[in-house]
């Protein structure tokens, strides 16, 4: 069984740094150098154009889209202003 690893968050500037290293070397070398998985490097390289347009200190692309957006808005509104 694989060891349990705590999930980490990475800022956009870190991801761009890893991408630059991977472009000059390769994905495997970048994953070893920065301590991330090669899959993460591949994903970040495929989304490089999105990362460049985001604020550098944002933990970019960490959330998916809402499954029930209208229901979530209602829930948040009710939690903020209970009547």
N, C-alpha and C. Protein backbone atom coordinates (compact mmCIF):
# COMPACT_ATOMS: atom_id res chain seq x y z
N UNK A 1 0.82 -1.17 0.00
CA UNK A 1 0.00 0.00 0.00
C UNK A 1 0.88 1.25 0.00
N UNK A 2 0.49 2.25 -0.73
CA UNK A 2 1.25 3.49 -0.80
C UNK A 2 1.08 4.29 0.49
N UNK A 3 2.13 5.01 0.89
CA UNK A 3 2.00 5.81 2.11
C UNK A 3 1.01 6.96 1.91
N UNK A 4 0.37 7.36 3.00
CA UNK A 4 -0.58 8.46 2.94
C UNK A 4 0.20 9.76 2.88
N UNK A 5 -0.08 10.56 1.88
CA UNK A 5 0.62 11.82 1.69
C UNK A 5 -0.38 12.96 1.86
N UNK A 6 0.02 13.96 2.64
CA UNK A 6 -0.85 15.11 2.84
C UNK A 6 -0.88 15.94 1.56
N UNK A 7 -2.07 16.38 1.18
CA UNK A 7 -2.22 17.19 -0.03
C UNK A 7 -1.62 18.56 0.21
N UNK A 8 -0.93 19.08 -0.80
CA UNK A 8 -0.30 20.39 -0.70
C UNK A 8 -0.92 21.32 -1.70
N UNK A 9 -0.78 22.60 -1.47
CA UNK A 9 -1.23 23.58 -2.44
C UNK A 9 0.00 24.33 -2.94
N UNK A 10 -0.03 24.66 -4.20
CA UNK A 10 1.10 25.33 -4.83
C UNK A 10 0.62 26.61 -5.49
N UNK A 11 1.37 27.69 -5.29
CA UNK A 11 1.02 28.96 -5.90
C UNK A 11 1.39 28.94 -7.38
N UNK A 12 0.78 29.85 -8.13
CA UNK A 12 1.00 29.90 -9.57
C UNK A 12 2.47 30.18 -9.89
N UNK A 13 3.14 31.03 -9.10
CA UNK A 13 4.55 31.34 -9.39
C UNK A 13 5.42 30.09 -9.24
N UNK A 14 5.12 29.22 -8.27
CA UNK A 14 5.86 27.98 -8.11
C UNK A 14 5.64 27.06 -9.30
N UNK A 15 4.39 26.96 -9.73
CA UNK A 15 4.06 26.11 -10.87
C UNK A 15 4.77 26.59 -12.13
N UNK A 16 4.83 27.91 -12.32
CA UNK A 16 5.52 28.46 -13.49
C UNK A 16 7.02 28.19 -13.42
N UNK A 17 7.57 28.21 -12.21
CA UNK A 17 8.99 27.91 -12.04
C UNK A 17 9.28 26.46 -12.42
N UNK A 18 8.40 25.56 -12.00
CA UNK A 18 8.54 24.14 -12.34
C UNK A 18 8.41 23.94 -13.84
N UNK A 19 7.47 24.63 -14.47
CA UNK A 19 7.27 24.53 -15.92
C UNK A 19 8.51 24.98 -16.66
N UNK A 20 9.11 26.09 -16.23
CA UNK A 20 10.32 26.60 -16.89
C UNK A 20 11.45 25.59 -16.78
N UNK A 21 11.61 24.97 -15.62
CA UNK A 21 12.65 23.97 -15.43
C UNK A 21 12.37 22.75 -16.31
N UNK A 22 11.10 22.34 -16.38
CA UNK A 22 10.74 21.17 -17.18
C UNK A 22 10.96 21.42 -18.66
N UNK A 23 10.76 22.65 -19.12
CA UNK A 23 10.98 22.96 -20.53
C UNK A 23 12.46 22.92 -20.89
N UNK A 24 13.32 23.32 -19.96
CA UNK A 24 14.75 23.30 -20.26
C UNK A 24 15.37 21.93 -20.02
N UNK A 25 14.77 21.11 -19.18
CA UNK A 25 15.29 19.76 -18.92
C UNK A 25 14.26 18.74 -19.40
N UNK A 26 13.48 18.19 -18.49
CA UNK A 26 12.33 17.34 -18.84
C UNK A 26 11.43 17.20 -17.62
N UNK A 27 10.27 16.60 -17.80
CA UNK A 27 9.28 16.51 -16.72
C UNK A 27 9.80 15.72 -15.53
N UNK A 28 10.50 14.63 -15.80
CA UNK A 28 10.99 13.78 -14.72
C UNK A 28 12.03 14.52 -13.88
N UNK A 29 12.93 15.23 -14.53
CA UNK A 29 13.95 15.99 -13.80
C UNK A 29 13.31 17.10 -12.97
N UNK A 30 12.30 17.75 -13.51
CA UNK A 30 11.60 18.80 -12.77
C UNK A 30 10.88 18.24 -11.55
N UNK A 31 10.29 17.06 -11.69
CA UNK A 31 9.59 16.46 -10.56
C UNK A 31 10.57 16.11 -9.44
N UNK A 32 11.76 15.61 -9.80
CA UNK A 32 12.77 15.31 -8.79
C UNK A 32 13.31 16.57 -8.14
N UNK A 33 13.57 17.59 -8.93
CA UNK A 33 14.15 18.84 -8.43
C UNK A 33 13.22 19.56 -7.45
N UNK A 34 11.92 19.59 -7.74
CA UNK A 34 10.98 20.35 -6.93
C UNK A 34 10.12 19.50 -6.00
N UNK A 35 10.28 18.19 -6.03
CA UNK A 35 9.57 17.33 -5.10
C UNK A 35 8.08 17.19 -5.36
N UNK A 36 7.70 17.21 -6.62
CA UNK A 36 6.30 17.00 -7.00
C UNK A 36 6.26 15.78 -7.92
N UNK A 37 5.06 15.30 -8.21
CA UNK A 37 4.96 14.13 -9.08
C UNK A 37 5.08 14.56 -10.55
N UNK A 38 5.49 13.63 -11.37
CA UNK A 38 5.61 13.91 -12.80
C UNK A 38 4.25 14.21 -13.41
N UNK A 39 3.20 13.59 -12.90
CA UNK A 39 1.84 13.86 -13.37
C UNK A 39 1.46 15.32 -13.15
N UNK A 40 1.82 15.86 -11.98
CA UNK A 40 1.55 17.27 -11.72
C UNK A 40 2.25 18.17 -12.73
N UNK A 41 3.50 17.84 -13.03
CA UNK A 41 4.27 18.65 -14.00
C UNK A 41 3.59 18.60 -15.36
N UNK A 42 3.16 17.42 -15.79
CA UNK A 42 2.47 17.30 -17.08
C UNK A 42 1.20 18.14 -17.10
N UNK A 43 0.42 18.04 -16.03
CA UNK A 43 -0.83 18.81 -15.96
C UNK A 43 -0.56 20.31 -15.98
N UNK A 44 0.43 20.76 -15.22
CA UNK A 44 0.75 22.18 -15.17
C UNK A 44 1.24 22.68 -16.52
N UNK A 45 2.02 21.86 -17.21
CA UNK A 45 2.51 22.28 -18.54
C UNK A 45 1.36 22.40 -19.53
N UNK A 46 0.37 21.53 -19.40
CA UNK A 46 -0.77 21.61 -20.33
C UNK A 46 -1.65 22.82 -20.05
N UNK A 47 -1.59 23.35 -18.82
CA UNK A 47 -2.41 24.51 -18.44
C UNK A 47 -1.56 25.77 -18.25
N UNK A 48 -0.42 25.82 -18.89
CA UNK A 48 0.50 26.94 -18.71
C UNK A 48 -0.13 28.28 -19.07
N UNK A 49 -0.90 28.32 -20.15
CA UNK A 49 -1.51 29.59 -20.57
C UNK A 49 -2.48 30.12 -19.51
N UNK A 50 -3.17 29.24 -18.79
CA UNK A 50 -4.06 29.68 -17.71
C UNK A 50 -3.26 30.19 -16.51
N UNK A 51 -2.16 29.51 -16.20
CA UNK A 51 -1.34 29.92 -15.07
C UNK A 51 -0.72 31.29 -15.29
N UNK A 52 -0.33 31.58 -16.52
CA UNK A 52 0.30 32.88 -16.81
C UNK A 52 -0.69 34.03 -16.66
N UNK A 53 -1.98 33.77 -16.84
CA UNK A 53 -2.98 34.83 -16.74
C UNK A 53 -3.48 35.04 -15.31
N UNK A 54 -3.10 34.18 -14.37
CA UNK A 54 -3.57 34.28 -12.99
C UNK A 54 -2.60 35.11 -12.15
N UNK A 55 -3.08 35.65 -11.01
CA UNK A 55 -2.17 36.32 -10.08
C UNK A 55 -1.11 35.33 -9.59
N UNK A 56 0.12 35.79 -9.44
CA UNK A 56 1.23 34.89 -9.12
C UNK A 56 1.11 34.25 -7.73
N UNK A 57 0.43 34.91 -6.81
CA UNK A 57 0.34 34.35 -5.46
C UNK A 57 -0.93 33.54 -5.23
N UNK A 58 -1.72 33.33 -6.26
CA UNK A 58 -2.95 32.54 -6.13
C UNK A 58 -2.60 31.06 -6.23
N UNK A 59 -3.25 30.27 -5.40
CA UNK A 59 -3.10 28.82 -5.50
C UNK A 59 -4.03 28.38 -6.62
N UNK A 60 -3.50 28.33 -7.79
CA UNK A 60 -4.27 28.24 -9.01
C UNK A 60 -4.89 26.87 -9.24
N UNK A 61 -6.08 26.90 -9.81
CA UNK A 61 -6.81 25.72 -10.30
C UNK A 61 -6.96 24.63 -9.24
N UNK A 62 -7.39 25.00 -8.08
CA UNK A 62 -7.54 24.03 -7.00
C UNK A 62 -8.95 23.52 -6.86
N UNK A 63 -9.92 24.15 -7.49
CA UNK A 63 -11.31 23.76 -7.30
C UNK A 63 -11.96 23.45 -8.63
N UNK A 64 -12.87 22.53 -8.59
CA UNK A 64 -13.66 22.23 -9.77
C UNK A 64 -14.90 23.10 -9.83
N UNK A 65 -15.71 22.86 -10.81
CA UNK A 65 -16.96 23.62 -10.91
C UNK A 65 -18.00 23.01 -9.98
N UNK A 66 -18.94 23.81 -9.58
CA UNK A 66 -19.99 23.34 -8.67
C UNK A 66 -20.93 22.38 -9.40
N UNK A 67 -21.32 21.32 -8.72
CA UNK A 67 -22.25 20.37 -9.31
C UNK A 67 -23.67 20.91 -9.30
N UNK A 68 -24.01 21.67 -8.25
CA UNK A 68 -25.34 22.24 -8.08
C UNK A 68 -25.18 23.73 -7.75
N UNK A 69 -24.82 24.57 -8.71
CA UNK A 69 -24.50 25.97 -8.41
C UNK A 69 -25.65 26.76 -7.79
N UNK A 70 -26.88 26.59 -8.26
CA UNK A 70 -28.01 27.34 -7.72
C UNK A 70 -28.28 26.93 -6.28
N UNK A 71 -28.23 25.63 -6.01
CA UNK A 71 -28.44 25.14 -4.66
C UNK A 71 -27.35 25.64 -3.71
N UNK A 72 -26.11 25.68 -4.18
CA UNK A 72 -25.01 26.16 -3.34
C UNK A 72 -25.17 27.65 -3.03
N UNK A 73 -25.60 28.43 -4.00
CA UNK A 73 -25.82 29.87 -3.77
C UNK A 73 -26.91 30.07 -2.72
N UNK A 74 -27.99 29.31 -2.84
CA UNK A 74 -29.08 29.40 -1.86
C UNK A 74 -28.59 29.01 -0.46
N UNK A 75 -27.82 27.95 -0.39
CA UNK A 75 -27.30 27.49 0.89
C UNK A 75 -26.42 28.56 1.54
N UNK A 76 -25.51 29.13 0.77
CA UNK A 76 -24.62 30.17 1.30
C UNK A 76 -25.41 31.39 1.74
N UNK A 77 -26.38 31.79 0.94
CA UNK A 77 -27.21 32.94 1.28
C UNK A 77 -27.98 32.69 2.58
N UNK A 78 -28.54 31.51 2.73
CA UNK A 78 -29.28 31.17 3.95
C UNK A 78 -28.37 31.11 5.17
N UNK A 79 -27.15 30.66 4.99
CA UNK A 79 -26.20 30.60 6.11
C UNK A 79 -25.75 31.99 6.54
N UNK A 80 -25.62 32.91 5.58
CA UNK A 80 -25.15 34.25 5.89
C UNK A 80 -26.25 35.10 6.51
N UNK A 81 -27.45 35.00 6.01
CA UNK A 81 -28.58 35.84 6.47
C UNK A 81 -29.78 34.97 6.81
N UNK A 82 -29.76 34.26 7.93
CA UNK A 82 -30.92 33.43 8.25
C UNK A 82 -32.12 34.32 8.59
N UNK A 83 -33.27 33.94 8.07
CA UNK A 83 -34.49 34.73 8.31
C UNK A 83 -35.43 34.04 9.25
